[in-house]
Amino acid sequence: MKNSLGFVSFVLIIGGLSGLLSDHLWGLRLFGFVRYLVPDGHQTLGYCVMIGTGVLLAIGTGLLDRLGGED
């Protein structure tokens, strides 16, 4: 479970950062499929929410590691 949460948080953080960069600077997308999670017209807010959710999942995964939770 910790490994899958870590992977999901990684994808959300990198996908959100990539989406913000591609919308405002240049068009390279690392995880292009995450653009389907964001509604049209709300890209900046949607990518910020993705980054925030990824950070929260990473914090939760770190807490599971600290508490010695089982996989």
N, C-alpha and C. Protein backbone atom coordinates (compact mmCIF):
# COMPACT_ATOMS: atom_id res chain seq x y z
N MET A 1 0.83 -1.19 0.00
CA MET A 1 0.00 0.00 0.00
C MET A 1 0.87 1.26 0.00
N LYS A 2 1.95 1.24 0.79
CA LYS A 2 2.82 2.42 0.84
C LYS A 2 3.48 2.68 -0.50
N ASN A 3 3.87 1.61 -1.18
CA ASN A 3 4.50 1.79 -2.48
C ASN A 3 3.54 2.39 -3.49
N SER A 4 2.29 1.93 -3.49
CA SER A 4 1.33 2.47 -4.45
C SER A 4 0.97 3.91 -4.10
N LEU A 5 0.86 4.26 -2.81
CA LEU A 5 0.60 5.65 -2.43
C LEU A 5 1.77 6.55 -2.82
N GLY A 6 2.96 6.06 -2.65
CA GLY A 6 4.14 6.82 -3.06
C GLY A 6 4.17 7.05 -4.55
N PHE A 7 3.82 6.04 -5.33
CA PHE A 7 3.79 6.19 -6.78
C PHE A 7 2.72 7.18 -7.22
N VAL A 8 1.53 7.09 -6.63
CA VAL A 8 0.44 8.01 -6.98
C VAL A 8 0.81 9.44 -6.61
N SER A 9 1.43 9.63 -5.46
CA SER A 9 1.82 10.99 -5.06
C SER A 9 2.90 11.52 -6.02
N PHE A 10 3.83 10.68 -6.44
CA PHE A 10 4.85 11.09 -7.40
C PHE A 10 4.22 11.52 -8.72
N VAL A 11 3.28 10.72 -9.23
CA VAL A 11 2.63 11.03 -10.50
C VAL A 11 1.84 12.33 -10.38
N LEU A 12 1.13 12.54 -9.28
CA LEU A 12 0.35 13.76 -9.12
C LEU A 12 1.24 15.00 -9.02
N ILE A 13 2.32 14.91 -8.27
CA ILE A 13 3.20 16.07 -8.12
C ILE A 13 3.89 16.40 -9.44
N ILE A 14 4.49 15.41 -10.07
CA ILE A 14 5.21 15.66 -11.33
C ILE A 14 4.24 16.03 -12.44
N GLY A 15 3.08 15.39 -12.50
CA GLY A 15 2.09 15.73 -13.51
C GLY A 15 1.54 17.14 -13.33
N GLY A 16 1.31 17.54 -12.08
CA GLY A 16 0.84 18.90 -11.82
C GLY A 16 1.87 19.95 -12.15
N LEU A 17 3.12 19.70 -11.77
CA LEU A 17 4.19 20.64 -12.11
C LEU A 17 4.40 20.72 -13.63
N SER A 18 4.36 19.58 -14.29
CA SER A 18 4.51 19.56 -15.74
C SER A 18 3.36 20.29 -16.42
N GLY A 19 2.16 20.11 -15.91
CA GLY A 19 1.01 20.80 -16.48
C GLY A 19 1.09 22.31 -16.31
N LEU A 20 1.52 22.75 -15.13
CA LEU A 20 1.68 24.19 -14.91
C LEU A 20 2.74 24.77 -15.83
N LEU A 21 3.87 24.08 -15.95
CA LEU A 21 4.94 24.56 -16.83
C LEU A 21 4.51 24.57 -18.29
N SER A 22 3.80 23.55 -18.73
CA SER A 22 3.40 23.50 -20.13
C SER A 22 2.33 24.54 -20.45
N ASP A 23 1.49 24.89 -19.49
CA ASP A 23 0.48 25.91 -19.73
C ASP A 23 1.08 27.31 -19.77
N HIS A 24 2.10 27.55 -18.97
CA HIS A 24 2.60 28.92 -18.83
C HIS A 24 3.94 29.18 -19.51
N LEU A 25 4.74 28.16 -19.74
CA LEU A 25 6.07 28.41 -20.32
C LEU A 25 6.28 27.71 -21.65
N TRP A 26 6.28 26.39 -21.65
CA TRP A 26 6.56 25.63 -22.85
C TRP A 26 5.73 24.37 -22.85
N GLY A 27 5.65 23.68 -23.96
CA GLY A 27 4.67 22.63 -24.15
C GLY A 27 5.07 21.21 -23.83
N LEU A 28 6.15 20.95 -23.10
CA LEU A 28 6.56 19.59 -22.79
C LEU A 28 5.74 19.05 -21.61
N ARG A 29 5.14 17.89 -21.80
CA ARG A 29 4.38 17.24 -20.73
C ARG A 29 5.03 15.90 -20.43
N LEU A 30 5.30 15.66 -19.14
CA LEU A 30 5.90 14.37 -18.76
C LEU A 30 4.83 13.30 -18.63
N PHE A 31 3.76 13.60 -17.93
CA PHE A 31 2.63 12.68 -17.79
C PHE A 31 1.43 13.35 -18.45
N GLY A 32 1.28 13.13 -19.74
CA GLY A 32 0.23 13.81 -20.50
C GLY A 32 -1.17 13.37 -20.14
N PHE A 33 -1.32 12.18 -19.58
CA PHE A 33 -2.65 11.68 -19.27
C PHE A 33 -3.31 12.42 -18.11
N VAL A 34 -2.54 13.13 -17.28
CA VAL A 34 -3.16 13.83 -16.15
C VAL A 34 -3.97 15.04 -16.60
N ARG A 35 -3.77 15.50 -17.84
CA ARG A 35 -4.56 16.63 -18.32
C ARG A 35 -6.03 16.28 -18.44
N TYR A 36 -6.35 14.99 -18.53
CA TYR A 36 -7.74 14.56 -18.60
C TYR A 36 -8.43 14.63 -17.24
N LEU A 37 -7.66 14.81 -16.18
CA LEU A 37 -8.24 14.94 -14.84
C LEU A 37 -8.66 16.37 -14.53
N VAL A 38 -8.21 17.33 -15.36
CA VAL A 38 -8.45 18.75 -15.11
C VAL A 38 -9.53 19.25 -16.06
N PRO A 39 -10.58 19.92 -15.54
CA PRO A 39 -11.62 20.45 -16.42
C PRO A 39 -11.10 21.59 -17.31
N ASP A 40 -11.66 21.70 -18.50
CA ASP A 40 -11.26 22.77 -19.42
C ASP A 40 -11.57 24.13 -18.82
N GLY A 41 -10.62 25.03 -18.95
CA GLY A 41 -10.78 26.38 -18.43
C GLY A 41 -10.30 26.56 -17.01
N HIS A 42 -9.97 25.48 -16.33
CA HIS A 42 -9.52 25.54 -14.93
C HIS A 42 -8.17 24.84 -14.77
N GLN A 43 -7.29 25.01 -15.73
CA GLN A 43 -6.03 24.28 -15.72
C GLN A 43 -5.14 24.67 -14.55
N THR A 44 -4.97 25.97 -14.31
CA THR A 44 -4.06 26.40 -13.26
C THR A 44 -4.52 25.90 -11.90
N LEU A 45 -5.79 26.08 -11.59
CA LEU A 45 -6.33 25.62 -10.31
C LEU A 45 -6.27 24.10 -10.21
N GLY A 46 -6.61 23.41 -11.29
CA GLY A 46 -6.60 21.95 -11.28
C GLY A 46 -5.22 21.37 -11.05
N TYR A 47 -4.21 21.96 -11.69
CA TYR A 47 -2.85 21.47 -11.50
C TYR A 47 -2.33 21.79 -10.10
N CYS A 48 -2.74 22.93 -9.55
CA CYS A 48 -2.37 23.25 -8.16
C CYS A 48 -3.01 22.27 -7.18
N VAL A 49 -4.24 21.89 -7.44
CA VAL A 49 -4.92 20.90 -6.60
C VAL A 49 -4.22 19.55 -6.71
N MET A 50 -3.78 19.19 -7.92
CA MET A 50 -3.03 17.94 -8.09
C MET A 50 -1.76 17.95 -7.27
N ILE A 51 -1.02 19.05 -7.33
CA ILE A 51 0.23 19.14 -6.57
C ILE A 51 -0.05 19.05 -5.08
N GLY A 52 -1.07 19.76 -4.61
CA GLY A 52 -1.43 19.72 -3.19
C GLY A 52 -1.84 18.32 -2.74
N THR A 53 -2.63 17.64 -3.56
CA THR A 53 -3.04 16.28 -3.23
C THR A 53 -1.85 15.33 -3.21
N GLY A 54 -0.95 15.50 -4.16
CA GLY A 54 0.26 14.67 -4.18
C GLY A 54 1.13 14.89 -2.96
N VAL A 55 1.26 16.15 -2.54
CA VAL A 55 2.05 16.45 -1.34
C VAL A 55 1.40 15.83 -0.11
N LEU A 56 0.09 15.94 -0.01
CA LEU A 56 -0.61 15.34 1.14
C LEU A 56 -0.46 13.83 1.16
N LEU A 57 -0.53 13.20 -0.01
CA LEU A 57 -0.33 11.75 -0.06
C LEU A 57 1.11 11.37 0.32
N ALA A 58 2.07 12.18 -0.10
CA ALA A 58 3.46 11.92 0.27
C ALA A 58 3.66 12.05 1.78
N ILE A 59 3.03 13.04 2.38
CA ILE A 59 3.11 13.21 3.84
C ILE A 59 2.46 12.02 4.54
N GLY A 60 1.31 11.59 4.03
CA GLY A 60 0.64 10.43 4.61
C GLY A 60 1.46 9.16 4.48
N THR A 61 2.11 8.99 3.36
CA THR A 61 2.98 7.83 3.17
C THR A 61 4.16 7.88 4.13
N GLY A 62 4.72 9.07 4.33
CA GLY A 62 5.82 9.22 5.29
C GLY A 62 5.38 8.90 6.70
N LEU A 63 4.15 9.30 7.05
CA LEU A 63 3.64 8.98 8.38
C LEU A 63 3.43 7.48 8.55
N LEU A 64 2.99 6.81 7.49
CA LEU A 64 2.84 5.36 7.57
C LEU A 64 4.19 4.69 7.79
N ASP A 65 5.23 5.20 7.12
CA ASP A 65 6.57 4.66 7.32
C ASP A 65 7.05 4.87 8.75
N ARG A 66 6.77 6.04 9.28
CA ARG A 66 7.20 6.36 10.65
C ARG A 66 6.50 5.49 11.69
N LEU A 67 5.22 5.27 11.49
CA LEU A 67 4.45 4.50 12.47
C LEU A 67 4.67 3.00 12.33
N GLY A 68 5.38 2.62 11.29
CA GLY A 68 5.68 1.19 11.10
C GLY A 68 4.50 0.40 10.60
N GLY A 69 3.65 1.06 9.82
CA GLY A 69 2.49 0.36 9.26
C GLY A 69 2.91 -0.71 8.27
N GLU A 70 2.14 -1.74 8.19
CA GLU A 70 2.45 -2.84 7.29
C GLU A 70 1.96 -2.52 5.89
N ASP A 71 2.58 -3.15 4.87
CA ASP A 71 2.17 -2.98 3.48
C ASP A 71 0.83 -3.63 3.25
